[in-house]
């Protein structure tokens, strides 16, 4: 179903970050995740966000940690606005937390603001101390008939 221009204007009218200069949030708690109404609520579909350059800090050493984050979700009534998601993910650059806490925390925050039908997050972390840590989280049951491809991030293999 195609919405006319006036419908789109009303859907996007409440956004504060898109199209504006926004200062980088100092922490994930300060970051604002904006949502818009899902204009396609009559059909189930999967949305994927990929953040291949995610960074955070080790909470003990303050050394940088790097990950490839893949977020898949089947929306219900709301969609996350992508710039606000980007700003939220970037807010982790100065945030100290273990890989598991970052990964699951991101998923839980999205569930809180979106109330999706289904959400899956894969956190593919680069090695720390010689050991890569991958964190996988899923919420809900994937609706029947929704096409979701593999996340496409291979397990860490080093140089061999």
Protein backbone atom coordinates (compact mmCIF):
# COMPACT_ATOMS: atom_id res chain seq x y z
CA UNK A 1 0.00 0.00 0.00
CA UNK A 2 1.54 3.33 -1.07
CA UNK A 3 1.00 6.28 1.23
CA UNK A 4 0.51 9.76 -0.21
CA UNK A 5 2.85 12.67 0.56
CA UNK A 6 0.70 14.10 3.35
CA UNK A 7 0.79 10.72 5.15
CA UNK A 8 4.58 10.66 4.91
CA UNK A 9 4.85 14.20 6.20
CA UNK A 10 2.82 13.27 9.26
CA UNK A 11 4.84 10.08 9.82
CA UNK A 12 8.17 11.94 9.80
CA UNK A 13 7.10 15.26 11.30
CA UNK A 14 8.16 14.41 14.88
CA UNK A 15 11.77 13.51 14.07
CA UNK A 16 14.36 15.79 15.68
CA UNK A 17 17.66 14.28 14.47
CA UNK A 18 17.15 13.48 10.79
CA UNK A 19 18.21 16.39 8.62
CA UNK A 20 19.69 18.28 11.57
CA UNK A 21 23.12 18.66 13.09
CA UNK A 22 23.12 16.51 16.21
CA UNK A 23 25.89 16.45 18.80
CA UNK A 24 27.28 13.01 19.54
CA UNK A 25 25.62 11.60 22.69
CA UNK A 26 28.15 11.18 25.50
CA UNK A 27 26.71 7.83 26.56
CA UNK A 28 24.18 5.23 25.42
CA UNK A 29 21.87 6.36 28.22
CA UNK A 30 21.82 9.91 26.79
CA UNK A 31 21.23 8.78 23.21
CA UNK A 32 17.70 9.18 21.85
CA UNK A 33 16.31 6.42 19.66
CA UNK A 34 13.60 7.93 17.49
CA UNK A 35 10.80 5.88 15.96
CA UNK A 36 8.27 6.38 13.22
CA UNK A 37 5.02 4.53 12.59
CA UNK A 38 5.38 1.45 10.41
CA UNK A 39 3.47 2.30 7.22
CA UNK A 40 3.36 -1.41 6.20
CA UNK A 41 1.73 -3.04 9.25
CA UNK A 42 -0.34 -5.35 7.06
CA UNK A 43 2.71 -7.45 6.12
CA UNK A 44 5.57 -9.03 8.07
CA UNK A 45 9.08 -8.23 6.80
CA UNK A 46 12.60 -8.15 8.15
CA UNK A 47 14.71 -5.01 8.58
CA UNK A 48 18.50 -5.37 8.86
CA UNK A 49 21.02 -2.86 10.20
CA UNK A 50 24.72 -3.65 9.93
CA UNK A 51 27.36 -1.74 11.88
CA UNK A 52 30.73 -3.18 10.79
CA UNK A 53 32.77 -0.55 12.66
CA UNK A 54 31.18 -0.62 16.12
CA UNK A 55 33.49 0.46 18.94
CA UNK A 56 33.31 0.52 22.72
CA UNK A 57 35.81 0.48 25.57
CA UNK A 58 36.98 -2.25 27.90
CA UNK A 59 35.55 -1.27 31.30
CA UNK A 60 38.79 -2.17 33.09
CA UNK A 61 41.60 -1.11 30.76
CA UNK A 62 39.80 1.55 28.68
CA UNK A 63 41.33 -0.05 25.59
CA UNK A 64 39.13 0.07 22.48
CA UNK A 65 37.07 -2.95 21.48
CA UNK A 66 35.77 -3.46 17.95
CA UNK A 67 32.79 -5.42 16.66
CA UNK A 68 30.64 -6.07 13.63
CA UNK A 69 27.05 -5.74 14.87
CA UNK A 70 24.11 -7.08 12.83
CA UNK A 71 20.56 -6.28 13.94
CA UNK A 72 17.57 -7.97 12.32
CA UNK A 73 14.00 -7.24 13.39
CA UNK A 74 10.42 -7.75 12.25
CA UNK A 75 8.59 -4.54 13.10
CA UNK A 76 5.14 -4.33 14.56
CA UNK A 77 3.82 -0.76 14.86
CA UNK A 78 7.14 1.14 14.91
CA UNK A 79 10.36 1.48 12.91
CA UNK A 80 13.61 2.84 14.32
CA UNK A 81 14.89 5.91 12.48
CA UNK A 82 18.34 5.01 11.13
CA UNK A 83 20.22 8.22 11.98
CA UNK A 84 19.13 7.98 15.60
CA UNK A 85 20.26 4.34 15.64
CA UNK A 86 23.62 5.37 14.20
CA UNK A 87 24.00 8.06 16.87
CA UNK A 88 23.03 5.55 19.56
CA UNK A 89 25.57 2.99 18.37
CA UNK A 90 28.27 5.65 18.09
CA UNK A 91 27.62 6.69 21.70
CA UNK A 92 29.33 3.46 22.79
CA UNK A 93 32.74 4.81 21.66
CA UNK A 94 33.39 6.21 25.15
CA UNK A 95 31.34 3.62 27.02
CA UNK A 96 33.05 0.95 29.06
CA UNK A 97 31.31 -2.43 29.12
CA UNK A 98 32.06 -6.06 28.36
CA UNK A 99 31.07 -7.44 24.96
CA UNK A 100 28.10 -9.33 26.34
CA UNK A 101 26.73 -6.25 28.12
CA UNK A 102 27.06 -4.04 25.02
CA UNK A 103 25.46 -6.59 22.70
CA UNK A 104 22.52 -7.59 24.89
CA UNK A 105 22.05 -4.00 26.08
CA UNK A 106 21.65 -2.75 22.51
CA UNK A 107 19.06 -5.44 21.78
CA UNK A 108 17.12 -4.75 24.97
CA UNK A 109 17.04 -1.00 24.30
CA UNK A 110 15.67 -1.62 20.81
CA UNK A 111 13.02 -3.97 22.18
CA UNK A 112 12.05 -1.31 24.72
CA UNK A 113 11.48 1.41 22.11
CA UNK A 114 10.19 -0.73 19.22
CA UNK A 115 8.27 -3.63 20.76
CA UNK A 116 9.09 -5.65 17.61
CA UNK A 117 7.48 -8.95 16.71
CA UNK A 118 10.98 -10.48 16.56
CA UNK A 119 14.54 -9.23 16.99
CA UNK A 120 17.93 -10.87 16.58
CA UNK A 121 21.33 -9.31 17.24
CA UNK A 122 24.69 -10.81 16.35
CA UNK A 123 27.72 -9.18 17.96
CA UNK A 124 30.87 -10.40 16.22
CA UNK A 125 33.71 -9.04 18.37
CA UNK A 126 37.32 -8.92 17.29
CA UNK A 127 39.82 -10.72 19.55
CA UNK A 128 40.72 -9.35 22.94
CA UNK A 129 43.62 -11.17 24.57
CA UNK A 130 43.67 -13.58 21.63
CA UNK A 131 40.07 -14.74 22.05
CA UNK A 132 37.22 -13.47 19.87
CA UNK A 133 33.84 -13.27 21.60
CA UNK A 134 30.63 -13.55 19.59
CA UNK A 135 27.36 -12.70 21.32
CA UNK A 136 23.98 -13.75 19.93
CA UNK A 137 20.60 -12.61 21.24
CA UNK A 138 17.07 -13.30 20.05
CA UNK A 139 13.72 -12.00 21.25
CA UNK A 140 10.38 -13.46 20.22
CA UNK A 141 9.54 -15.97 17.53
CA UNK A 142 10.19 -15.24 13.87
CA UNK A 143 6.78 -14.94 12.16
CA UNK A 144 6.08 -17.69 9.63
CA UNK A 145 6.93 -16.78 6.07
CA UNK A 146 9.39 -13.96 6.83
CA UNK A 147 12.56 -14.23 4.77
CA UNK A 148 15.69 -13.65 6.84
CA UNK A 149 19.09 -14.33 5.34
CA UNK A 150 22.10 -15.45 7.31
CA UNK A 151 23.93 -12.56 8.91
CA UNK A 152 26.91 -13.25 6.67
CA UNK A 153 29.64 -12.59 9.21
CA UNK A 154 32.02 -15.54 9.38
CA UNK A 155 33.45 -16.68 12.68
CA UNK A 156 36.89 -15.27 13.41
CA UNK A 157 39.61 -17.28 11.66
CA UNK A 158 42.67 -15.13 12.16
CA UNK A 159 45.24 -15.35 9.42
CA UNK A 160 44.65 -18.95 8.49
